[in-house]
């Protein structure tokens, strides 16, 4: 289970005195704990953990954009390191070519689709590719194909 792996890696980082990794994993564990509280559950499924991971990475990427605007490269490099630590726990993501092929394959099911059908298409794509693809990238591909 992914949550147990994160706990184990936190202990290993503590033993190795890797303070940066420990702090990142503790922030992740805190986010996971909040998710448990919000869902009123004692255990999270791997899918729920992946959702939290993606949310954490998305927040950091948004922060990178902001810090880049203000030339705070020191903070940008820290956030990039945090993202690298978090991405270890995500399933292997599809390459750009694989992603484009999968999206085109799904779009074949919607021959007369317009931009108004975007919601239906995104729902199907997220159910099949949700854990192995960046949904913002998927959204861009679908919009480009529909226009």
Protein backbone atom coordinates (compact mmCIF):
# COMPACT_ATOMS: atom_id res chain seq x y z
CA UNK A 1 0.00 0.00 0.00
CA UNK A 2 1.24 3.44 -0.98
CA UNK A 3 0.56 5.07 2.37
CA UNK A 4 2.69 2.49 4.18
CA UNK A 5 5.49 3.03 1.67
CA UNK A 6 5.44 6.77 2.40
CA UNK A 7 5.60 6.10 6.16
CA UNK A 8 8.48 3.68 5.65
CA UNK A 9 10.36 6.16 3.45
CA UNK A 10 9.86 8.86 6.08
CA UNK A 11 11.52 6.67 8.70
CA UNK A 12 14.37 5.86 6.32
CA UNK A 13 14.90 9.56 5.58
CA UNK A 14 14.93 10.27 9.33
CA UNK A 15 17.56 7.60 9.89
CA UNK A 16 19.64 9.05 7.05
CA UNK A 17 19.28 12.58 8.47
CA UNK A 18 17.76 13.80 5.18
CA UNK A 19 15.91 16.76 6.71
CA UNK A 20 14.58 18.09 3.41
CA UNK A 21 13.01 14.77 2.39
CA UNK A 22 11.62 14.27 5.90
CA UNK A 23 9.92 17.67 5.78
CA UNK A 24 8.40 16.98 2.35
CA UNK A 25 7.13 13.55 3.40
CA UNK A 26 5.72 14.96 6.63
CA UNK A 27 3.81 17.60 4.65
CA UNK A 28 2.49 14.79 2.47
CA UNK A 29 1.49 12.71 5.49
CA UNK A 30 -0.32 15.75 6.88
CA UNK A 31 -2.23 16.17 3.62
CA UNK A 32 -3.11 12.47 3.69
CA UNK A 33 -4.34 12.80 7.27
CA UNK A 34 -6.53 15.74 6.24
CA UNK A 35 -7.94 13.63 3.42
CA UNK A 36 -8.78 10.87 5.90
CA UNK A 37 -10.58 13.36 8.11
CA UNK A 38 -12.48 14.83 5.16
CA UNK A 39 -13.54 11.36 4.01
CA UNK A 40 -14.28 10.20 7.56
CA UNK A 41 -12.20 7.07 6.97
CA UNK A 42 -9.31 5.38 8.71
CA UNK A 43 -7.57 4.12 5.56
CA UNK A 44 -7.06 5.68 2.16
CA UNK A 45 -7.01 3.66 -1.04
CA UNK A 46 -4.03 3.99 -3.34
CA UNK A 47 -6.23 5.98 -5.74
CA UNK A 48 -7.04 8.48 -2.99
CA UNK A 49 -3.34 8.76 -2.10
CA UNK A 50 -2.51 9.38 -5.77
CA UNK A 51 -5.18 12.09 -5.89
CA UNK A 52 -3.60 13.81 -2.88
CA UNK A 53 -0.15 13.47 -4.44
CA UNK A 54 -1.33 15.05 -7.68
CA UNK A 55 -2.96 17.88 -5.75
CA UNK A 56 0.27 18.52 -3.82
CA UNK A 57 2.31 18.55 -7.03
CA UNK A 58 -0.18 20.85 -8.75
CA UNK A 59 0.04 23.33 -5.85
CA UNK A 60 3.83 23.33 -6.06
CA UNK A 61 3.80 23.86 -9.83
CA UNK A 62 1.48 26.85 -9.38
CA UNK A 63 3.87 28.23 -6.78
CA UNK A 64 6.79 27.75 -9.16
CA UNK A 65 5.02 29.93 -11.73
CA UNK A 66 4.50 32.65 -9.14
CA UNK A 67 8.05 32.52 -7.82
CA UNK A 68 9.46 32.58 -11.35
CA UNK A 69 7.60 35.83 -12.02
CA UNK A 70 9.39 37.43 -9.07
CA UNK A 71 12.82 35.91 -9.79
CA UNK A 72 12.88 33.78 -6.62
CA UNK A 73 14.99 31.00 -8.13
CA UNK A 74 16.04 29.73 -4.69
CA UNK A 75 12.43 28.90 -3.87
CA UNK A 76 11.81 27.51 -7.36
CA UNK A 77 14.65 25.00 -6.99
CA UNK A 78 13.33 23.90 -3.58
CA UNK A 79 9.86 23.34 -5.03
CA UNK A 80 11.27 21.40 -7.97
CA UNK A 81 13.11 19.16 -5.50
CA UNK A 82 9.88 18.65 -3.56
CA UNK A 83 8.05 17.71 -6.76
CA UNK A 84 10.78 15.19 -7.60
CA UNK A 85 10.35 13.55 -4.19
CA UNK A 86 6.55 13.40 -4.55
CA UNK A 87 6.59 12.09 -8.13
CA UNK A 88 8.37 8.94 -6.95
CA UNK A 89 5.05 7.74 -5.50
CA UNK A 90 3.00 8.32 -8.65
CA UNK A 91 2.51 5.55 -11.19
CA UNK A 92 4.64 5.89 -14.31
CA UNK A 93 3.09 8.66 -16.38
CA UNK A 94 2.35 8.26 -20.08
CA UNK A 95 4.73 9.90 -22.53
CA UNK A 96 3.40 12.75 -24.66
CA UNK A 97 3.10 10.44 -27.69
CA UNK A 98 1.28 7.73 -25.73
CA UNK A 99 -1.04 10.35 -24.24
CA UNK A 100 -1.88 11.83 -27.64
CA UNK A 101 -2.60 8.35 -29.02
CA UNK A 102 -4.90 7.45 -26.10
CA UNK A 103 -6.79 10.76 -26.39
CA UNK A 104 -7.25 10.30 -30.14
CA UNK A 105 -8.46 6.75 -29.52
CA UNK A 106 -11.09 7.99 -27.05
CA UNK A 107 -12.10 10.83 -29.36
CA UNK A 108 -12.98 8.24 -32.04
CA UNK A 109 -15.95 7.35 -29.81
CA UNK A 110 -17.20 10.94 -30.31
CA UNK A 111 -17.10 11.54 -34.09
CA UNK A 112 -19.41 14.59 -34.01
CA UNK A 113 -18.05 16.04 -30.78
CA UNK A 114 -17.87 19.78 -30.23
CA UNK A 115 -16.37 21.80 -27.42
CA UNK A 116 -19.73 21.44 -25.63
CA UNK A 117 -19.04 17.71 -25.25
CA UNK A 118 -15.80 18.40 -23.42
CA UNK A 119 -17.24 17.39 -20.03
CA UNK A 120 -18.38 13.96 -21.22
CA UNK A 121 -15.07 13.31 -22.93
CA UNK A 122 -13.03 14.44 -19.92
CA UNK A 123 -15.08 12.19 -17.66
CA UNK A 124 -14.30 9.16 -19.79
CA UNK A 125 -10.63 10.09 -20.14
CA UNK A 126 -10.20 10.68 -16.42
CA UNK A 127 -11.74 7.30 -15.61
CA UNK A 128 -9.31 5.52 -17.92
CA UNK A 129 -6.17 7.67 -17.70
CA UNK A 130 -6.66 9.48 -14.40
CA UNK A 131 -3.72 8.03 -12.52
CA UNK A 132 -1.22 7.88 -15.39
CA UNK A 133 -1.78 11.24 -17.09
CA UNK A 134 -1.72 14.93 -16.26
CA UNK A 135 -5.34 15.93 -16.75
CA UNK A 136 -4.49 19.55 -17.61
CA UNK A 137 -2.39 18.25 -20.51
CA UNK A 138 -5.25 15.94 -21.53
CA UNK A 139 -7.62 18.90 -21.48
CA UNK A 140 -5.33 20.90 -23.78
CA UNK A 141 -5.11 17.98 -26.22
CA UNK A 142 -8.88 17.52 -26.31
CA UNK A 143 -9.51 21.25 -26.84
CA UNK A 144 -6.97 21.32 -29.67
CA UNK A 145 -8.61 18.30 -31.31
CA UNK A 146 -12.14 19.69 -30.98
CA UNK A 147 -11.29 23.12 -32.40
